Amino acid sequence: MTIEAVSNQQRKKIHPHKFTLWVAIASILMMFAGLTSAFIVKSNLTGWKNIDMPTIFWYSTAAIIISSITVQMAIRSFKQREMSQYRSLIGLTLVLGVLFVVLQWFGFKELWVQNIKFTGSAGAGQFLYVIFGLHALHVIGGIITLLVMLLKAFFGKTKLYSSVPVEVMATYWHFVDILWIYLLVFFIVIG
């Protein structure tokens, strides 16, 4: 085999970090599929109390959708070696991620005032808190990753411009964005 053939063959393989991310995403999807399936089964019981989603959840949805756009723009900036723009976009994505979590917090405070609590046997409160809480934990994990990427962009020494870490982080961020949209639509339609 020639060196060129080996090089082409290696480019076709998925990077180990990307593969690991996809395995993790599949596991997370199975967990949320199980939880939403359990919600559907439980919602057919007598005494079930439906939930009206707080309006603030729509604002948090806008924040996370915009953050997906900014993280995609950050990838493009990184690949074009526009590090100043990359830093700004990663920073903006980080701020939007934090804003999402803060807006979620206020949404749950509003649910608490509506007497949607974690306790009780006749309602969606338990599912809502567990499912949205688990999603928030995954978003916080993404925020920590964004913070690490931002710190590396400012203080790290870039020897190779490998876009793999940025692509892995962005793929995860898009995943939590799409997962949130699914959960919100699920609770509006089913809940």
Protein backbone atom coordinates (compact mmCIF):
# COMPACT_ATOMS: atom_id res chain seq x y z
CA MET A 1 0.00 0.00 0.00
CA THR A 2 1.18 3.48 -0.76
CA ILE A 3 1.43 6.21 1.83
CA GLU A 4 -1.37 8.07 0.08
CA ALA A 5 -3.68 5.04 0.24
CA VAL A 6 -3.01 4.59 3.96
CA SER A 7 -3.63 8.30 4.55
CA ASN A 8 -6.96 8.15 2.68
CA GLN A 9 -7.96 5.05 4.64
CA GLN A 10 -7.19 6.75 7.96
CA ARG A 11 -9.26 9.82 7.02
CA LYS A 12 -12.30 7.58 6.45
CA LYS A 13 -12.16 6.18 10.00
CA ILE A 14 -14.03 7.94 12.76
CA HIS A 15 -11.86 9.60 15.38
CA PRO A 16 -11.92 7.70 18.73
CA HIS A 17 -13.19 10.78 20.59
CA LYS A 18 -16.06 11.18 18.14
CA PHE A 19 -16.88 7.48 18.41
CA THR A 20 -16.92 7.70 22.21
CA LEU A 21 -19.21 10.72 22.03
CA TRP A 22 -21.67 8.89 19.78
CA VAL A 23 -21.74 5.93 22.17
CA ALA A 24 -22.43 8.32 25.05
CA ILE A 25 -25.17 10.07 23.07
CA ALA A 26 -26.80 6.70 22.32
CA SER A 27 -26.75 5.85 26.03
CA ILE A 28 -28.25 9.19 26.99
CA LEU A 29 -30.94 8.81 24.33
CA MET A 30 -31.89 5.38 25.72
CA MET A 31 -32.16 6.83 29.22
CA PHE A 32 -34.45 9.66 28.09
CA ALA A 33 -36.48 7.30 25.89
CA GLY A 34 -37.06 5.08 28.92
CA LEU A 35 -38.08 8.03 31.08
CA THR A 36 -40.46 9.48 28.51
CA SER A 37 -41.95 6.02 27.89
CA ALA A 38 -42.56 5.63 31.62
CA PHE A 39 -44.21 9.06 31.60
CA ILE A 40 -46.62 7.92 28.86
CA VAL A 41 -47.52 4.75 30.78
CA LYS A 42 -48.03 6.62 34.06
CA SER A 43 -50.08 9.39 32.41
CA ASN A 44 -52.82 6.85 31.61
CA LEU A 45 -53.52 6.25 35.31
CA THR A 46 -56.51 7.82 37.04
CA GLY A 47 -55.87 10.99 38.95
CA TRP A 48 -53.13 12.17 36.57
CA LYS A 49 -52.61 15.92 36.65
CA ASN A 50 -51.37 17.63 33.47
CA ILE A 51 -48.88 20.48 33.55
CA ASP A 52 -48.98 23.80 31.75
CA MET A 53 -45.44 24.71 30.70
CA PRO A 54 -44.24 28.10 31.95
CA THR A 55 -43.66 30.69 29.23
CA ILE A 56 -40.09 31.18 30.42
CA PHE A 57 -39.23 27.75 28.99
CA TRP A 58 -39.73 29.27 25.51
CA TYR A 59 -37.11 31.91 26.32
CA SER A 60 -34.70 29.23 27.50
CA THR A 61 -35.40 27.35 24.26
CA ALA A 62 -34.47 30.46 22.26
CA ALA A 63 -31.25 30.80 24.28
CA ILE A 64 -30.15 27.23 23.62
CA ILE A 65 -31.05 27.39 19.91
CA ILE A 66 -29.04 30.59 19.50
CA SER A 67 -26.17 28.92 21.37
CA SER A 68 -26.20 26.09 18.83
CA ILE A 69 -25.80 28.66 16.08
CA THR A 70 -22.92 30.39 17.88
CA VAL A 71 -21.10 27.11 18.55
CA GLN A 72 -21.40 26.19 14.87
CA MET A 73 -19.98 29.58 13.93
CA ALA A 74 -17.17 28.94 16.44
CA ILE A 75 -16.21 25.73 14.61
CA ARG A 76 -16.02 27.62 11.35
CA SER A 77 -13.88 30.34 12.96
CA PHE A 78 -11.55 27.75 14.48
CA LYS A 79 -11.10 25.96 11.14
CA GLN A 80 -10.33 29.30 9.49
CA ARG A 81 -7.87 30.06 12.31
CA GLU A 82 -9.72 33.20 13.31
CA MET A 83 -8.90 32.70 16.97
CA SER A 84 -10.21 36.05 18.18
CA GLN A 85 -13.61 35.38 16.65
CA TYR A 86 -13.49 31.77 17.91
CA ARG A 87 -12.88 32.96 21.48
CA SER A 88 -15.76 35.43 21.26
CA LEU A 89 -18.17 32.85 19.88
CA ILE A 90 -17.23 30.17 22.43
CA GLY A 91 -17.62 32.79 25.16
CA LEU A 92 -21.04 33.78 23.81
CA THR A 93 -22.09 30.13 23.61
CA LEU A 94 -21.01 29.69 27.23
CA VAL A 95 -23.04 32.74 28.33
CA LEU A 96 -26.10 31.47 26.44
CA GLY A 97 -25.70 28.05 28.06
CA VAL A 98 -25.62 29.63 31.52
CA LEU A 99 -28.63 31.77 30.56
CA PHE A 100 -30.49 28.59 29.56
CA VAL A 101 -29.87 27.01 32.98
CA VAL A 102 -30.85 30.23 34.82
CA LEU A 103 -34.09 30.50 32.83
CA GLN A 104 -34.79 26.83 33.58
CA TRP A 105 -34.36 27.58 37.29
CA PHE A 106 -36.95 30.36 37.08
CA GLY A 107 -39.27 28.07 35.12
CA PHE A 108 -39.10 25.49 37.88
CA LYS A 109 -39.74 28.15 40.50
CA GLU A 110 -42.88 29.04 38.55
CA LEU A 111 -43.92 25.38 38.48
CA TRP A 112 -43.36 25.17 42.24
CA VAL A 113 -45.68 28.15 42.73
CA GLN A 114 -48.29 26.30 40.59
CA ASN A 115 -47.98 23.49 43.17
CA ILE A 116 -46.20 21.16 40.72
CA LYS A 117 -43.86 19.46 43.15
CA PHE A 118 -41.63 16.42 43.22
CA THR A 119 -43.84 14.66 45.76
CA GLY A 120 -47.23 13.06 45.24
CA SER A 121 -48.48 10.17 43.18
CA ALA A 122 -50.98 11.82 40.83
CA GLY A 123 -49.06 14.04 38.50
CA ALA A 124 -46.26 14.67 36.09
CA GLY A 125 -44.20 16.63 38.61
CA GLN A 126 -41.86 13.76 39.45
CA PHE A 127 -41.18 13.04 35.79
CA LEU A 128 -40.80 16.68 34.92
CA TYR A 129 -38.26 17.35 37.65
CA VAL A 130 -36.28 14.18 36.98
CA ILE A 131 -36.25 14.48 33.19
CA PHE A 132 -35.61 18.23 33.02
CA GLY A 133 -33.16 17.96 35.92
CA LEU A 134 -31.16 15.26 34.13
CA HIS A 135 -31.17 17.42 31.00
CA ALA A 136 -29.93 20.39 33.02
CA LEU A 137 -27.08 18.23 34.38
CA HIS A 138 -26.08 17.36 30.82
CA VAL A 139 -26.20 21.04 29.85
CA ILE A 140 -24.04 21.90 32.87
CA GLY A 141 -21.55 19.26 31.68
CA GLY A 142 -21.55 21.02 28.31
CA ILE A 143 -21.05 24.38 30.02
CA ILE A 144 -18.02 23.02 31.87
CA THR A 145 -16.64 21.74 28.56
CA LEU A 146 -17.24 25.13 26.95
CA LEU A 147 -15.42 26.79 29.83
CA VAL A 148 -12.45 24.44 29.38
CA MET A 149 -12.42 25.15 25.63
CA LEU A 150 -12.57 28.90 26.30
CA LEU A 151 -9.69 28.72 28.78
CA LYS A 152 -7.65 26.68 26.31
CA ALA A 153 -8.39 29.24 23.60
CA PHE A 154 -6.96 32.00 25.78
CA PHE A 155 -4.18 30.24 27.66
CA GLY A 156 -3.42 27.01 25.79
CA LYS A 157 -0.55 26.56 23.41
CA THR A 158 -1.86 25.57 20.01
CA LYS A 159 0.67 23.44 18.19
CA LEU A 160 -1.76 21.66 15.92
CA TYR A 161 -5.00 23.13 14.73
CA SER A 162 -6.97 19.94 15.20
CA SER A 163 -10.65 20.76 15.08
CA VAL A 164 -11.64 17.41 16.62
CA PRO A 165 -12.05 18.70 20.22
CA VAL A 166 -14.12 21.65 18.99
CA GLU A 167 -16.22 19.38 16.78
CA VAL A 168 -16.82 16.90 19.62
CA MET A 169 -17.84 19.70 21.97
CA ALA A 170 -20.14 21.25 19.34
CA THR A 171 -21.76 17.90 18.51
CA TYR A 172 -22.53 17.35 22.19
CA TRP A 173 -23.90 20.89 22.47
CA HIS A 174 -26.16 20.39 19.43
CA PHE A 175 -27.31 17.12 21.00
CA VAL A 176 -28.41 18.74 24.28
CA ASP A 177 -30.14 21.44 22.21
CA ILE A 178 -32.11 18.92 20.15
CA LEU A 179 -32.83 16.85 23.26
CA TRP A 180 -34.29 19.92 24.99
CA ILE A 181 -36.55 20.69 22.02
CA TYR A 182 -37.75 17.08 22.01
CA LEU A 183 -38.46 17.16 25.76
CA LEU A 184 -40.31 20.47 25.57
CA VAL A 185 -42.47 19.33 22.66
CA PHE A 186 -43.03 15.98 24.38
CA PHE A 187 -44.32 17.60 27.57
CA ILE A 188 -46.47 20.08 25.66
CA VAL A 189 -48.08 17.39 23.47
CA ILE A 190 -48.20 14.44 25.89
CA GLY A 191 -48.08 16.18 29.27
